Amino acid sequence: MALEVGDPAPAFAAKNEKGKIVKLSDFKGKKVILYFYPKDDTPTCTTQACNLRDNYKLLLKRGYKVLGVSVDDEKAHQKFIKKYNLPFSLLADTEHAMVEAFGVWGEKTTFGHTYMGILRTTFVVDENGIIEEIIQKVESKKHTDQILGNINQ
């Protein structure tokens, strides 16, 4: 069953790039942008991460915490963060628990090749852990505008 706006966000516990366990409950009382992306250091994923990086102060000012999620491991996340000076944590969902819980693991087709992978999706979760917005058609170059434009300010 797919998640919808107004649903509680699935509880999660995943390691960040430093190996520290991060849980949804850590953000109680805070708004969270949880963006799922296919792979560290690939062109579209890099564009998306850098758009969020470049607008990070604005997102913080609006009260948002930012967390990226992929199935890459902590070491890959460390390299990605260092290479692009990303100011937010990336969660390593190597066991696929989060991508399954959020319903973003699915069939994809690239250049006629079909495979399973992360369906690029962003969830905006409010202070009470309720999904406020789901962005499925992510525009990597304008992702912050998409997030802030879709939220009732």
N, C-alpha and C. Protein backbone atom coordinates (compact mmCIF):
# COMPACT_ATOMS: atom_id res chain seq x y z
N MET A 1 0.84 -1.19 0.00
CA MET A 1 0.00 0.00 0.00
C MET A 1 0.88 1.25 0.00
N ALA A 2 0.64 2.14 -0.92
CA ALA A 2 1.47 3.33 -1.06
C ALA A 2 1.17 4.35 0.03
N LEU A 3 2.20 5.04 0.45
CA LEU A 3 2.04 6.12 1.43
C LEU A 3 1.37 7.31 0.76
N GLU A 4 0.60 8.05 1.55
CA GLU A 4 -0.08 9.24 1.05
C GLU A 4 0.15 10.40 2.01
N VAL A 5 -0.08 11.61 1.51
CA VAL A 5 -0.03 12.80 2.36
C VAL A 5 -1.04 12.60 3.48
N GLY A 6 -0.62 12.91 4.71
CA GLY A 6 -1.47 12.73 5.87
C GLY A 6 -1.20 11.45 6.64
N ASP A 7 -0.46 10.51 6.02
CA ASP A 7 -0.08 9.27 6.70
C ASP A 7 1.09 9.54 7.64
N PRO A 8 1.19 8.75 8.71
CA PRO A 8 2.40 8.84 9.53
C PRO A 8 3.59 8.31 8.71
N ALA A 9 4.71 8.97 8.82
CA ALA A 9 5.92 8.48 8.14
C ALA A 9 6.36 7.20 8.84
N PRO A 10 6.79 6.20 8.08
CA PRO A 10 7.27 4.97 8.71
C PRO A 10 8.45 5.25 9.64
N ALA A 11 8.42 4.62 10.81
CA ALA A 11 9.55 4.75 11.74
C ALA A 11 10.76 4.09 11.08
N PHE A 12 11.93 4.66 11.30
CA PHE A 12 13.14 4.07 10.74
C PHE A 12 14.31 4.24 11.68
N ALA A 13 15.31 3.41 11.48
CA ALA A 13 16.59 3.51 12.17
C ALA A 13 17.63 3.06 11.15
N ALA A 14 18.50 3.98 10.75
CA ALA A 14 19.52 3.67 9.74
C ALA A 14 20.81 4.38 10.12
N LYS A 15 21.92 3.82 9.65
CA LYS A 15 23.22 4.45 9.92
C LYS A 15 23.46 5.60 8.96
N ASN A 16 24.02 6.68 9.51
CA ASN A 16 24.44 7.78 8.64
C ASN A 16 25.87 7.51 8.18
N GLU A 17 26.45 8.48 7.50
CA GLU A 17 27.79 8.32 6.93
C GLU A 17 28.87 8.08 7.98
N LYS A 18 28.58 8.42 9.23
CA LYS A 18 29.56 8.24 10.31
C LYS A 18 29.31 6.95 11.09
N GLY A 19 28.30 6.18 10.67
CA GLY A 19 27.98 4.94 11.37
C GLY A 19 27.05 5.14 12.55
N LYS A 20 26.57 6.37 12.76
CA LYS A 20 25.65 6.68 13.87
C LYS A 20 24.23 6.33 13.45
N ILE A 21 23.50 5.68 14.34
CA ILE A 21 22.10 5.33 14.07
C ILE A 21 21.25 6.60 14.15
N VAL A 22 20.48 6.83 13.10
CA VAL A 22 19.56 7.98 13.03
C VAL A 22 18.15 7.41 12.95
N LYS A 23 17.25 7.94 13.78
CA LYS A 23 15.86 7.47 13.81
C LYS A 23 14.93 8.63 13.52
N LEU A 24 13.76 8.30 12.99
CA LEU A 24 12.75 9.33 12.77
C LEU A 24 12.41 10.01 14.10
N SER A 25 12.36 9.24 15.17
CA SER A 25 12.01 9.80 16.48
C SER A 25 13.01 10.85 16.96
N ASP A 26 14.23 10.85 16.40
CA ASP A 26 15.22 11.88 16.75
C ASP A 26 14.76 13.27 16.33
N PHE A 27 13.79 13.31 15.41
CA PHE A 27 13.37 14.59 14.82
C PHE A 27 11.98 15.01 15.29
N LYS A 28 11.50 14.41 16.37
CA LYS A 28 10.19 14.80 16.89
C LYS A 28 10.21 16.29 17.19
N GLY A 29 9.21 17.00 16.71
CA GLY A 29 9.15 18.45 16.91
C GLY A 29 9.87 19.23 15.82
N LYS A 30 10.45 18.51 14.84
CA LYS A 30 11.17 19.17 13.74
C LYS A 30 10.61 18.70 12.41
N LYS A 31 10.73 19.54 11.41
CA LYS A 31 10.31 19.18 10.05
C LYS A 31 11.49 18.54 9.33
N VAL A 32 11.22 17.49 8.58
CA VAL A 32 12.30 16.74 7.93
C VAL A 32 12.02 16.59 6.43
N ILE A 33 13.04 16.87 5.64
CA ILE A 33 13.01 16.56 4.20
C ILE A 33 13.80 15.27 4.06
N LEU A 34 13.11 14.21 3.67
CA LEU A 34 13.72 12.90 3.52
C LEU A 34 13.72 12.59 2.03
N TYR A 35 14.91 12.72 1.42
CA TYR A 35 14.95 12.50 -0.03
C TYR A 35 15.68 11.21 -0.36
N PHE A 36 15.00 10.38 -1.14
CA PHE A 36 15.53 9.10 -1.58
C PHE A 36 16.09 9.28 -2.98
N TYR A 37 17.33 8.84 -3.18
CA TYR A 37 17.99 9.00 -4.47
C TYR A 37 18.71 7.70 -4.82
N PRO A 38 18.89 7.41 -6.11
CA PRO A 38 19.44 6.12 -6.53
C PRO A 38 20.88 5.82 -6.13
N LYS A 39 21.82 6.75 -6.37
CA LYS A 39 23.22 6.38 -6.19
C LYS A 39 24.11 7.60 -5.97
N ASP A 40 25.04 7.47 -5.02
CA ASP A 40 26.01 8.53 -4.77
C ASP A 40 26.86 8.81 -6.01
N ASP A 41 27.17 10.09 -6.19
CA ASP A 41 28.14 10.54 -7.20
C ASP A 41 27.78 10.14 -8.63
N THR A 42 26.48 10.13 -8.93
CA THR A 42 26.03 9.96 -10.31
C THR A 42 25.45 11.31 -10.74
N PRO A 43 25.39 11.60 -12.03
CA PRO A 43 25.05 12.96 -12.47
C PRO A 43 23.76 13.55 -11.89
N THR A 44 22.64 12.88 -12.01
CA THR A 44 21.38 13.46 -11.55
C THR A 44 21.34 13.54 -10.02
N CYS A 45 21.86 12.52 -9.36
CA CYS A 45 21.88 12.52 -7.90
C CYS A 45 22.78 13.63 -7.36
N THR A 46 23.89 13.87 -8.04
CA THR A 46 24.79 14.95 -7.64
C THR A 46 24.12 16.30 -7.84
N THR A 47 23.43 16.49 -8.95
CA THR A 47 22.72 17.74 -9.21
C THR A 47 21.69 17.99 -8.11
N GLN A 48 20.94 16.96 -7.74
CA GLN A 48 19.93 17.08 -6.70
C GLN A 48 20.56 17.44 -5.35
N ALA A 49 21.60 16.70 -4.97
CA ALA A 49 22.26 16.95 -3.69
C ALA A 49 22.86 18.36 -3.64
N CYS A 50 23.45 18.79 -4.74
CA CYS A 50 24.06 20.13 -4.77
C CYS A 50 23.00 21.23 -4.74
N ASN A 51 21.83 20.98 -5.32
CA ASN A 51 20.74 21.96 -5.24
C ASN A 51 20.31 22.11 -3.78
N LEU A 52 20.19 21.01 -3.08
CA LEU A 52 19.82 21.09 -1.66
C LEU A 52 20.95 21.73 -0.85
N ARG A 53 22.19 21.42 -1.18
CA ARG A 53 23.34 22.03 -0.51
C ARG A 53 23.34 23.56 -0.71
N ASP A 54 23.13 23.98 -1.94
CA ASP A 54 23.19 25.41 -2.26
C ASP A 54 22.06 26.19 -1.60
N ASN A 55 20.98 25.52 -1.26
CA ASN A 55 19.83 26.16 -0.62
C ASN A 55 19.65 25.73 0.83
N TYR A 56 20.68 25.12 1.38
CA TYR A 56 20.59 24.54 2.72
C TYR A 56 20.24 25.58 3.79
N LYS A 57 20.87 26.74 3.72
CA LYS A 57 20.60 27.78 4.73
C LYS A 57 19.14 28.22 4.68
N LEU A 58 18.59 28.32 3.48
CA LEU A 58 17.17 28.68 3.33
C LEU A 58 16.28 27.59 3.93
N LEU A 59 16.62 26.33 3.67
CA LEU A 59 15.83 25.22 4.21
C LEU A 59 15.89 25.22 5.75
N LEU A 60 17.09 25.45 6.30
CA LEU A 60 17.23 25.54 7.76
C LEU A 60 16.41 26.71 8.31
N LYS A 61 16.47 27.82 7.61
CA LYS A 61 15.72 29.01 8.03
C LYS A 61 14.21 28.73 8.07
N ARG A 62 13.76 27.90 7.15
CA ARG A 62 12.33 27.52 7.11
C ARG A 62 12.02 26.41 8.10
N GLY A 63 13.05 25.95 8.83
CA GLY A 63 12.83 24.97 9.89
C GLY A 63 12.98 23.52 9.50
N TYR A 64 13.60 23.25 8.35
CA TYR A 64 13.73 21.87 7.87
C TYR A 64 15.10 21.27 8.18
N LYS A 65 15.10 19.99 8.52
CA LYS A 65 16.30 19.17 8.57
C LYS A 65 16.30 18.38 7.27
N VAL A 66 17.47 18.12 6.70
CA VAL A 66 17.56 17.40 5.43
C VAL A 66 18.32 16.09 5.65
N LEU A 67 17.74 15.00 5.13
CA LEU A 67 18.39 13.70 5.17
C LEU A 67 18.27 13.06 3.80
N GLY A 68 19.39 12.63 3.23
CA GLY A 68 19.37 11.88 1.99
C GLY A 68 19.42 10.40 2.31
N VAL A 69 18.79 9.58 1.47
CA VAL A 69 18.78 8.14 1.69
C VAL A 69 19.04 7.42 0.37
N SER A 70 20.01 6.49 0.40
CA SER A 70 20.21 5.59 -0.73
C SER A 70 20.67 4.25 -0.15
N VAL A 71 20.83 3.26 -1.01
CA VAL A 71 21.28 1.95 -0.55
C VAL A 71 22.81 1.84 -0.58
N ASP A 72 23.49 2.94 -0.87
CA ASP A 72 24.95 2.97 -0.81
C ASP A 72 25.39 2.84 0.65
N ASP A 73 26.64 2.37 0.86
CA ASP A 73 27.13 2.20 2.22
C ASP A 73 27.73 3.50 2.76
N GLU A 74 28.12 3.44 4.03
CA GLU A 74 28.63 4.63 4.72
C GLU A 74 29.87 5.21 4.04
N LYS A 75 30.75 4.34 3.57
CA LYS A 75 31.99 4.79 2.93
C LYS A 75 31.68 5.58 1.66
N ALA A 76 30.75 5.10 0.85
CA ALA A 76 30.35 5.82 -0.36
C ALA A 76 29.75 7.18 0.01
N HIS A 77 28.94 7.19 1.06
CA HIS A 77 28.34 8.46 1.52
C HIS A 77 29.42 9.44 1.98
N GLN A 78 30.42 8.95 2.69
CA GLN A 78 31.51 9.82 3.16
C GLN A 78 32.21 10.49 1.98
N LYS A 79 32.50 9.72 0.95
CA LYS A 79 33.17 10.26 -0.24
C LYS A 79 32.30 11.30 -0.94
N PHE A 80 31.02 10.98 -1.07
CA PHE A 80 30.07 11.88 -1.75
C PHE A 80 29.95 13.21 -0.99
N ILE A 81 29.82 13.12 0.33
CA ILE A 81 29.71 14.32 1.17
C ILE A 81 30.98 15.16 1.05
N LYS A 82 32.13 14.51 1.13
CA LYS A 82 33.40 15.23 1.07
C LYS A 82 33.60 15.89 -0.30
N LYS A 83 33.35 15.12 -1.36
CA LYS A 83 33.58 15.61 -2.72
C LYS A 83 32.74 16.85 -3.03
N TYR A 84 31.49 16.87 -2.54
CA TYR A 84 30.58 17.97 -2.88
C TYR A 84 30.25 18.87 -1.69
N ASN A 85 30.96 18.69 -0.57
CA ASN A 85 30.78 19.54 0.60
C ASN A 85 29.31 19.61 1.03
N LEU A 86 28.69 18.44 1.15
CA LEU A 86 27.27 18.39 1.53
C LEU A 86 27.14 18.63 3.03
N PRO A 87 26.25 19.54 3.44
CA PRO A 87 26.14 19.90 4.86
C PRO A 87 25.13 19.06 5.64
N PHE A 88 24.55 18.04 5.01
CA PHE A 88 23.53 17.22 5.67
C PHE A 88 23.96 15.75 5.64
N SER A 89 23.33 14.96 6.49
CA SER A 89 23.65 13.53 6.59
C SER A 89 22.99 12.73 5.48
N LEU A 90 23.66 11.64 5.13
CA LEU A 90 23.14 10.67 4.17
C LEU A 90 23.01 9.34 4.91
N LEU A 91 21.85 8.73 4.79
CA LEU A 91 21.59 7.47 5.47
C LEU A 91 21.87 6.29 4.54
N ALA A 92 22.53 5.28 5.09
CA ALA A 92 22.92 4.09 4.33
C ALA A 92 21.87 3.00 4.57
N ASP A 93 20.98 2.85 3.64
CA ASP A 93 19.91 1.84 3.76
C ASP A 93 20.32 0.58 3.01
N THR A 94 21.43 0.01 3.43
CA THR A 94 22.00 -1.15 2.72
C THR A 94 21.11 -2.39 2.81
N GLU A 95 20.27 -2.46 3.82
CA GLU A 95 19.36 -3.60 3.98
C GLU A 95 18.01 -3.38 3.29
N HIS A 96 17.82 -2.20 2.71
CA HIS A 96 16.60 -1.83 1.98
C HIS A 96 15.37 -1.67 2.87
N ALA A 97 15.55 -1.55 4.17
CA ALA A 97 14.40 -1.42 5.09
C ALA A 97 13.63 -0.13 4.84
N MET A 98 14.34 0.99 4.70
CA MET A 98 13.66 2.28 4.50
C MET A 98 13.01 2.37 3.13
N VAL A 99 13.75 1.96 2.09
CA VAL A 99 13.20 2.09 0.73
C VAL A 99 11.95 1.23 0.57
N GLU A 100 11.93 0.09 1.25
CA GLU A 100 10.74 -0.77 1.22
C GLU A 100 9.60 -0.12 2.01
N ALA A 101 9.90 0.35 3.22
CA ALA A 101 8.88 0.95 4.09
C ALA A 101 8.23 2.18 3.44
N PHE A 102 9.04 2.97 2.73
CA PHE A 102 8.52 4.18 2.09
C PHE A 102 7.99 3.91 0.68
N GLY A 103 8.13 2.69 0.21
CA GLY A 103 7.58 2.31 -1.09
C GLY A 103 8.32 2.90 -2.28
N VAL A 104 9.62 3.11 -2.13
CA VAL A 104 10.39 3.74 -3.21
C VAL A 104 11.38 2.79 -3.87
N TRP A 105 11.25 1.50 -3.61
CA TRP A 105 12.08 0.49 -4.27
C TRP A 105 11.19 -0.14 -5.32
N GLY A 106 11.57 -0.03 -6.57
CA GLY A 106 10.71 -0.56 -7.62
C GLY A 106 11.44 -0.79 -8.92
N GLU A 107 10.66 -1.21 -9.90
CA GLU A 107 11.21 -1.52 -11.21
C GLU A 107 11.48 -0.22 -11.98
N LYS A 108 12.64 -0.18 -12.59
CA LYS A 108 13.05 0.98 -13.38
C LYS A 108 13.54 0.48 -14.73
N THR A 109 13.49 1.35 -15.71
CA THR A 109 14.02 1.01 -17.03
C THR A 109 14.91 2.14 -17.52
N THR A 110 16.14 1.80 -17.89
CA THR A 110 17.09 2.77 -18.44
C THR A 110 17.70 2.17 -19.69
N PHE A 111 17.60 2.90 -20.77
CA PHE A 111 18.16 2.44 -22.05
C PHE A 111 17.70 1.03 -22.38
N GLY A 112 16.42 0.73 -22.12
CA GLY A 112 15.85 -0.56 -22.44
C GLY A 112 16.18 -1.67 -21.45
N HIS A 113 16.96 -1.36 -20.44
CA HIS A 113 17.35 -2.35 -19.43
C HIS A 113 16.45 -2.18 -18.21
N THR A 114 15.78 -3.24 -17.78
CA THR A 114 14.89 -3.18 -16.62
C THR A 114 15.60 -3.77 -15.41
N TYR A 115 15.47 -3.09 -14.28
CA TYR A 115 16.13 -3.52 -13.05
C TYR A 115 15.39 -2.92 -11.86
N MET A 116 15.73 -3.38 -10.67
CA MET A 116 15.15 -2.85 -9.44
C MET A 116 16.07 -1.76 -8.88
N GLY A 117 15.46 -0.69 -8.38
CA GLY A 117 16.25 0.40 -7.83
C GLY A 117 15.37 1.39 -7.10
N ILE A 118 16.00 2.45 -6.60
CA ILE A 118 15.26 3.50 -5.89
C ILE A 118 14.56 4.39 -6.89
N LEU A 119 13.28 4.61 -6.64
CA LEU A 119 12.48 5.55 -7.42
C LEU A 119 12.66 6.91 -6.73
N ARG A 120 13.33 7.82 -7.39
CA ARG A 120 13.68 9.11 -6.79
C ARG A 120 12.41 9.79 -6.26
N THR A 121 12.35 9.96 -4.95
CA THR A 121 11.15 10.49 -4.29
C THR A 121 11.58 11.28 -3.06
N THR A 122 10.86 12.36 -2.78
CA THR A 122 11.12 13.15 -1.58
C THR A 122 9.86 13.21 -0.73
N PHE A 123 10.05 12.98 0.57
CA PHE A 123 8.96 13.08 1.54
C PHE A 123 9.27 14.25 2.46
N VAL A 124 8.29 15.11 2.66
CA VAL A 124 8.41 16.19 3.64
C VAL A 124 7.54 15.76 4.82
N VAL A 125 8.19 15.64 5.99
CA VAL A 125 7.52 15.14 7.18
C VAL A 125 7.41 16.28 8.19
N ASP A 126 6.22 16.47 8.75
CA ASP A 126 6.02 17.59 9.68
C ASP A 126 6.55 17.25 11.08
N GLU A 127 6.37 18.20 11.99
CA GLU A 127 6.90 18.09 13.35
C GLU A 127 6.33 16.90 14.13
N ASN A 128 5.19 16.40 13.70
CA ASN A 128 4.53 15.28 14.38
C ASN A 128 4.74 13.94 13.69
N GLY A 129 5.64 13.93 12.68
CA GLY A 129 5.92 12.68 11.99
C GLY A 129 4.90 12.32 10.92
N ILE A 130 4.11 13.30 10.50
CA ILE A 130 3.08 13.07 9.47
C ILE A 130 3.62 13.55 8.12
N ILE A 131 3.37 12.76 7.08
CA ILE A 131 3.82 13.15 5.74
C ILE A 131 3.00 14.33 5.26
N GLU A 132 3.71 15.42 4.99
CA GLU A 132 3.09 16.68 4.57
C GLU A 132 3.07 16.81 3.05
N GLU A 133 4.07 16.21 2.42
CA GLU A 133 4.19 16.31 0.95
C GLU A 133 5.01 15.13 0.44
N ILE A 134 4.63 14.66 -0.76
CA ILE A 134 5.40 13.61 -1.44
C ILE A 134 5.68 14.13 -2.84
N ILE A 135 6.95 14.21 -3.19
CA ILE A 135 7.34 14.67 -4.53
C ILE A 135 7.91 13.47 -5.28
N GLN A 136 7.18 13.02 -6.30
CA GLN A 136 7.61 11.85 -7.06
C GLN A 136 8.27 12.25 -8.38
N LYS A 137 7.93 13.40 -8.90
CA LYS A 137 8.56 13.87 -10.15
C LYS A 137 9.59 14.93 -9.78
N VAL A 138 10.70 14.45 -9.24
CA VAL A 138 11.75 15.33 -8.75
C VAL A 138 12.48 15.98 -9.92
N GLU A 139 12.61 17.30 -9.83
CA GLU A 139 13.42 18.06 -10.79
C GLU A 139 14.71 18.42 -10.06
N SER A 140 15.76 17.68 -10.35
CA SER A 140 17.00 17.79 -9.59
C SER A 140 17.57 19.20 -9.54
N LYS A 141 17.49 19.93 -10.65
CA LYS A 141 18.06 21.28 -10.70
C LYS A 141 17.23 22.29 -9.92
N LYS A 142 15.96 21.98 -9.66
CA LYS A 142 15.05 22.91 -8.99
C LYS A 142 14.37 22.27 -7.78
N HIS A 143 15.08 21.34 -7.15
CA HIS A 143 14.41 20.55 -6.12
C HIS A 143 13.98 21.38 -4.91
N THR A 144 14.82 22.28 -4.46
CA THR A 144 14.44 23.13 -3.32
C THR A 144 13.19 23.94 -3.65
N ASP A 145 13.12 24.49 -4.85
CA ASP A 145 11.93 25.25 -5.26
C ASP A 145 10.70 24.35 -5.24
N GLN A 146 10.87 23.11 -5.70
CA GLN A 146 9.75 22.16 -5.66
C GLN A 146 9.29 21.95 -4.22
N ILE A 147 10.22 21.72 -3.34
CA ILE A 147 9.88 21.45 -1.94
C ILE A 147 9.16 22.65 -1.32
N LEU A 148 9.77 23.81 -1.43
CA LEU A 148 9.20 24.99 -0.78
C LEU A 148 7.94 25.48 -1.49
N GLY A 149 7.87 25.26 -2.79
CA GLY A 149 6.69 25.68 -3.54
C GLY A 149 5.48 24.81 -3.29
N ASN A 150 5.72 23.55 -2.89
CA ASN A 150 4.62 22.64 -2.64
C ASN A 150 4.10 22.67 -1.22
N ILE A 151 4.84 23.31 -0.33
CA ILE A 151 4.46 23.35 1.07
C ILE A 151 3.68 24.62 1.35
N ASN A 152 2.60 24.46 2.07
CA ASN A 152 1.82 25.63 2.48
C ASN A 152 2.58 26.36 3.57
N GLN A 153 3.11 27.52 3.24
CA GLN A 153 3.92 28.27 4.21
C GLN A 153 3.04 29.19 5.03
